[in-house]
Protein backbone atom coordinates (compact mmCIF):
# COMPACT_ATOMS: atom_id res chain seq x y z
CA MET A 1 -4.06 -9.43 2.76
CA GLU A 2 -0.87 -11.41 3.41
CA ARG A 3 1.38 -9.03 1.51
CA ARG A 4 0.69 -6.07 3.78
CA SER A 5 2.91 -7.42 6.51
CA PHE A 6 6.00 -6.80 4.39
CA LEU A 7 5.79 -3.08 5.12
CA GLY A 8 7.84 -3.27 8.30
CA ALA A 9 11.05 -3.74 6.38
CA LEU A 10 10.14 -1.47 3.51
CA THR A 11 9.13 1.53 5.56
CA ALA A 12 12.25 1.20 7.67
CA ALA A 13 14.45 1.28 4.61
CA SER A 14 12.61 4.18 3.03
CA LEU A 15 13.12 6.36 6.11
CA GLY A 16 16.80 6.26 5.32
CA VAL A 17 17.93 4.40 8.42
CA ALA A 18 21.44 2.93 8.13
CA LEU A 19 20.44 -0.71 8.06
CA GLU A 20 22.01 -3.68 6.40
CA SER A 21 20.73 -4.82 3.04
CA SER A 22 19.31 -7.88 4.77
CA LEU A 23 16.67 -5.71 6.47
CA THR A 24 13.92 -6.96 4.22
CA GLU A 25 14.81 -10.62 4.68
CA PHE A 26 13.21 -10.90 8.11
CA ALA A 27 9.78 -9.64 7.01
CA ARG A 28 7.27 -12.44 7.06
CA ALA A 29 3.77 -12.98 5.72
CA GLN A 30 0.80 -11.60 7.62
CA ASN A 31 -0.49 -13.71 10.51
CA THR A 32 2.90 -15.42 11.09
CA ALA A 33 4.64 -15.26 14.43
CA GLN A 34 8.04 -15.02 12.77
CA PHE A 35 7.33 -11.56 11.40
CA GLY A 36 6.40 -9.99 14.71
CA ALA A 37 9.17 -11.80 16.56
CA SER A 38 11.83 -10.77 14.05
CA LEU A 39 10.82 -7.14 14.13
CA SER A 40 10.72 -7.15 17.92
CA GLY A 41 14.15 -8.76 18.09
CA ARG A 42 15.69 -6.07 15.93
CA ALA A 43 13.80 -3.17 17.46
CA ALA A 44 16.86 -1.89 19.29
CA LYS A 45 18.85 -1.72 16.08
CA MET A 46 16.06 0.06 14.29
CA ARG A 47 15.52 2.73 16.91
CA GLU A 48 17.93 4.90 15.00
CA PHE A 49 14.94 6.44 13.21
CA PRO A 50 14.88 10.23 13.33
CA GLN A 51 12.84 11.56 16.24
CA ASN A 52 9.07 11.72 15.70
CA SER A 53 9.21 9.56 12.58
CA THR A 54 5.77 8.49 11.36
CA VAL A 55 4.58 5.85 8.94
CA ILE A 56 1.19 6.69 7.44
CA LEU A 57 -0.63 3.67 6.02
CA VAL A 58 -3.35 4.32 3.46
CA HIS A 59 -5.89 1.64 2.55
CA GLY A 60 -7.23 0.94 -0.91
CA ALA A 61 -10.72 0.41 -2.27
CA TRP A 62 -13.28 -1.70 -0.37
CA ALA A 63 -11.24 -1.41 2.83
CA ASP A 64 -10.47 0.78 5.83
CA GLY A 65 -7.54 1.34 8.16
CA TYR A 66 -8.12 -1.94 9.98
CA CYS A 67 -6.69 -3.83 7.01
CA TRP A 68 -3.23 -2.80 8.29
CA SER A 69 -3.86 -4.11 11.82
CA ASN A 70 -1.28 -6.91 11.72
CA ILE A 71 1.69 -4.61 11.20
CA ILE A 72 0.81 -1.62 13.40
CA LEU A 73 2.30 -2.99 16.62
CA PRO A 74 5.48 -4.41 15.01
CA LEU A 75 6.17 -1.00 13.45
CA GLU A 76 5.53 0.77 16.74
CA ARG A 77 7.97 -1.60 18.46
CA CYS A 78 10.58 -0.32 16.04
CA GLY A 79 10.15 3.15 17.45
CA LEU A 80 7.81 4.46 14.76
CA LYS A 81 4.55 6.30 15.15
CA VAL A 82 1.85 4.74 12.97
CA ILE A 83 -1.29 6.34 11.55
CA CYS A 84 -3.84 4.47 9.44
CA VAL A 85 -5.69 7.12 7.47
CA PRO A 86 -9.40 6.56 6.74
CA ILE A 87 -9.92 8.01 3.28
CA PRO A 88 -13.53 8.57 2.12
CA LEU A 89 -13.16 6.89 -1.30
CA THR A 90 -15.30 9.60 -2.90
CA SER A 91 -12.78 11.20 -5.27
CA LEU A 92 -9.02 11.34 -5.71
CA THR A 93 -9.04 14.97 -4.55
CA ASN A 94 -11.12 14.20 -1.44
CA ASP A 95 -8.93 11.24 -0.57
CA ALA A 96 -5.73 13.26 -0.95
CA THR A 97 -7.26 15.97 1.23
CA ALA A 98 -8.03 13.44 3.96
CA LEU A 99 -4.42 12.27 3.80
CA SER A 100 -3.19 15.87 4.02
CA TRP A 101 -5.26 16.39 7.16
CA ALA A 102 -3.62 13.32 8.68
CA LEU A 103 -0.20 14.74 7.83
CA GLU A 104 -1.08 17.77 9.94
CA ARG A 105 -1.16 15.46 12.97
CA THR A 106 2.55 14.67 12.54
CA SER A 107 5.61 16.76 13.37
CA GLY A 108 8.60 14.82 12.04
CA PRO A 109 9.67 12.91 8.93
CA VAL A 110 6.97 10.80 7.27
CA VAL A 111 6.85 7.75 5.03
CA LEU A 112 3.62 7.28 3.08
CA VAL A 113 2.53 3.73 2.33
CA GLY A 114 -0.22 2.92 -0.15
CA HIS A 115 -1.92 -0.25 -1.30
CA ALA A 116 -3.71 -0.68 -4.63
CA TYR A 117 -5.80 2.45 -5.40
CA SER A 118 -4.19 4.51 -2.64
CA GLY A 119 -0.92 4.53 -4.56
CA ALA A 120 -2.52 7.37 -6.51
CA VAL A 121 -3.54 9.06 -3.25
CA ILE A 122 -0.12 9.08 -1.56
CA ALA A 123 1.41 10.62 -4.70
CA ALA A 124 -1.13 13.45 -4.77
CA VAL A 125 -0.18 15.22 -1.53
CA ARG A 126 2.39 17.98 -1.07
CA GLU A 127 4.34 18.07 2.17
CA ASP A 128 8.08 18.64 2.58
CA ARG A 129 8.23 16.31 5.58
CA VAL A 130 7.27 13.33 3.41
CA LYS A 131 10.64 11.64 2.89
CA SER A 132 9.63 8.66 0.74
CA LEU A 133 6.79 6.54 -0.60
CA VAL A 134 6.17 2.79 -0.39
CA TYR A 135 3.89 1.13 -2.93
CA VAL A 136 2.48 -2.25 -1.90
CA ALA A 137 1.09 -3.75 -5.11
CA ALA A 138 -0.21 -0.23 -5.68
CA LEU A 139 -1.18 1.87 -8.68
CA ALA A 140 1.08 4.72 -9.77
CA PRO A 141 -0.60 6.91 -12.40
CA ASP A 142 1.49 9.65 -13.96
CA GLU A 143 0.34 13.25 -14.30
CA GLY A 144 -2.90 13.46 -16.26
CA GLU A 145 -3.55 9.72 -16.15
CA THR A 146 -6.51 8.18 -14.35
CA VAL A 147 -6.50 5.15 -12.11
CA SER A 148 -8.90 3.37 -14.44
CA LYS A 149 -6.65 3.98 -17.44
CA VAL A 150 -3.71 2.49 -15.58
CA PHE A 151 -5.66 -0.40 -14.08
CA TYR A 152 -7.32 -1.51 -17.30
CA ARG A 153 -4.29 -0.99 -19.55
CA ASP A 154 -3.60 -4.72 -19.68
CA ALA A 155 -5.85 -7.77 -19.90
CA PRO A 156 -7.35 -8.71 -16.50
CA HIS A 157 -6.50 -11.89 -14.65
CA PRO A 158 -8.93 -14.74 -15.44
CA GLU A 159 -10.10 -14.71 -11.79
CA ALA A 160 -10.54 -10.93 -11.63
CA PRO A 161 -14.19 -10.05 -10.91
CA LYS A 162 -16.29 -7.91 -13.22
CA LEU A 163 -16.91 -4.52 -11.64
CA ALA A 164 -19.66 -2.02 -12.41
CA PRO A 165 -20.96 1.08 -10.58
CA ASP A 166 -24.38 1.19 -8.96
CA SER A 167 -26.99 3.87 -9.58
CA HIS A 168 -25.19 6.17 -7.12
CA GLY A 169 -21.83 5.97 -8.89
CA PHE A 170 -20.13 3.61 -6.40
CA ILE A 171 -18.42 0.31 -7.14
CA SER A 172 -18.73 -2.62 -4.74
CA MET A 173 -16.74 -5.83 -4.82
CA PRO A 174 -18.88 -8.90 -5.70
CA GLU A 175 -19.24 -11.47 -2.92
CA ASP A 176 -16.76 -13.89 -4.47
CA GLY A 177 -14.34 -11.14 -5.52
CA PHE A 178 -12.33 -11.23 -2.30
CA ARG A 179 -12.02 -15.01 -2.40
CA ARG A 180 -11.09 -15.17 -6.10
CA ALA A 181 -8.85 -12.13 -6.55
CA VAL A 182 -8.48 -9.57 -3.79
CA ALA A 183 -7.36 -11.94 -1.02
CA HIS A 184 -7.26 -15.38 -2.57
CA LYS A 185 -4.65 -16.58 -0.06
CA ALA A 186 -6.76 -15.59 2.94
CA SER A 187 -9.06 -17.93 4.84
CA VAL A 188 -12.75 -18.26 4.06
CA ASP A 189 -13.58 -16.46 7.30
CA GLN A 190 -11.28 -13.58 6.40
CA THR A 191 -12.70 -13.13 2.92
CA ASN A 192 -16.27 -13.35 4.23
CA ILE A 193 -15.54 -10.63 6.77
CA ALA A 194 -13.79 -8.47 4.16
CA SER A 195 -16.80 -8.76 1.89
CA ALA A 196 -19.23 -7.91 4.67
CA VAL A 197 -17.40 -4.77 5.87
CA GLN A 198 -16.24 -3.48 2.47
CA ARG A 199 -16.52 0.22 1.65
CA PRO A 200 -17.44 0.90 -1.99
CA ILE A 201 -15.29 3.23 -4.06
CA ALA A 202 -16.72 6.08 -6.13
CA VAL A 203 -16.24 6.05 -9.89
CA GLN A 204 -14.87 9.58 -9.56
CA CYS A 205 -11.85 8.18 -7.69
CA ILE A 206 -10.69 6.23 -10.71
CA GLN A 207 -11.74 8.71 -13.39
CA GLU A 208 -10.14 11.87 -11.99
CA PRO A 209 -6.80 12.76 -13.67
CA ALA A 210 -3.87 12.51 -11.30
CA PRO A 211 -1.72 15.54 -10.45
CA ALA A 212 2.05 15.55 -10.85
CA PRO A 213 3.04 12.50 -8.77
CA LEU A 214 5.20 12.76 -5.70
CA TRP A 215 7.11 9.61 -6.65
CA LYS A 216 8.92 11.63 -9.32
CA SER A 217 10.60 13.77 -6.69
CA LYS A 218 10.79 11.48 -3.63
CA PRO A 219 12.62 8.16 -3.12
CA SER A 220 10.07 5.41 -3.67
CA TRP A 221 9.85 1.65 -3.22
CA PHE A 222 7.54 -0.67 -5.15
CA LEU A 223 6.59 -4.11 -3.90
CA ILE A 224 5.63 -6.55 -6.65
CA ALA A 225 3.41 -9.32 -5.32
CA GLU A 226 3.92 -11.98 -7.95
CA GLU A 227 0.73 -13.84 -7.06
CA ASP A 228 -1.45 -10.74 -7.11
CA ARG A 229 -4.37 -11.14 -9.51
CA ARG A 230 -5.03 -7.46 -10.12
CA PRO A 231 -3.61 -6.42 -12.59
CA SER A 232 -1.18 -8.57 -14.61
CA ILE A 233 2.42 -9.17 -13.55
CA SER A 234 3.76 -7.68 -16.81
CA TRP A 235 1.94 -4.44 -16.11
CA ARG A 236 3.32 -4.20 -12.58
CA ILE A 237 6.87 -4.91 -13.69
CA GLY A 238 6.66 -2.13 -16.28
CA TRP A 239 5.47 0.44 -13.80
CA ALA A 240 7.82 -0.65 -11.04
CA GLN A 241 10.84 0.17 -13.22
CA ARG A 242 10.19 3.85 -12.51
CA PHE A 243 10.88 3.50 -8.82
CA SER A 244 14.03 3.83 -6.73
CA ARG A 245 13.86 0.25 -5.50
CA ILE A 246 11.85 -2.81 -6.42
CA VAL A 247 10.98 -5.58 -4.01
CA TRP A 248 9.75 -8.91 -5.37
CA THR A 249 7.73 -11.21 -3.20
CA THR A 250 6.16 -14.62 -3.18
CA HIS A 251 4.93 -16.33 -0.02
CA PRO A 252 6.40 -16.33 2.57
CA CYS A 253 9.62 -14.31 2.18
CA ILE A 254 10.61 -11.30 0.15
CA GLN A 255 13.71 -10.58 -1.86
CA ASN A 256 15.14 -7.15 -2.47
CA ARG A 257 16.70 -5.87 -5.66
CA ARG A 258 17.62 -2.45 -6.97
CA SER A 259 16.22 -1.29 -10.30
C-alpha cells in the first residue's frame, strides 16, 4: 500500500512536463505528511500540464479504486484530473473494456497507471490520447503471454500465500495474505480492512493471452519496489529493462535512473 503514493512524481514525468530530474525526489511514502506537502508546494510549477490532462489509476486484484485514495488529492492539486477506474476482475478483455469506457470520459492527454495485475490491463487498450504508461510494481506480459505465466515464471517469495480458485473460478486472498505479502508494511488495521473488503479475481483474468502491449509503442515507466514480495526482485528487474525509465524504491524515498 505504501508504494502507491510514489505516483505523483511518476505520472507528472510521464506526461512530458518540463520538470527537473529531481521531480521524483519529493515523493514520499503513503500516509506521510511530507508527500502531500511537497506536492502542494510545487503545484504552481507543475501546472504546466497540457489542458485537460488526466491520470487514470487502475487497481489490481483484491482491490478497488479506493486503494489509490491517498494520492488523488495531491495529484489534483497539481492541476491533474484523476479517475480511479473500477475494473470488474472477470477477464482481461472485460477489464480492458471497463478501462476503455473510462477513457471515453476524458478529452485531453491521458497517463495510465497500473498496479500489479492491472499492468496487463493498461497495456491492452487502444487510444491515441494515451501518452504514456506507469507501472507500479505491475505485471507486463508481452503479446500472447498470460499474467499467470509471467507471475509464476520465478520462484515465489517465502511469505507469498498459496492461491487457488474456488468452485466459481475466482481467487481470493487468504486472511493472512495481506499481512504477509500484499501489504506487509501496512498496519494491522489496514491489512484487516483490506482483507475484509477484497474483491476476488477470476482465473480467466490471468489465463487469457495478452494482446500486443501498449508499452511497446508508448513511453513507459516502471517502479521497482525492492521490498515487494510478489514476485521476486530478479524477475522484476528483468522485465523493467524493457521500459523507458526505471524507478527504484525502498522506504521512504525513491531514486530515479534511466535504463
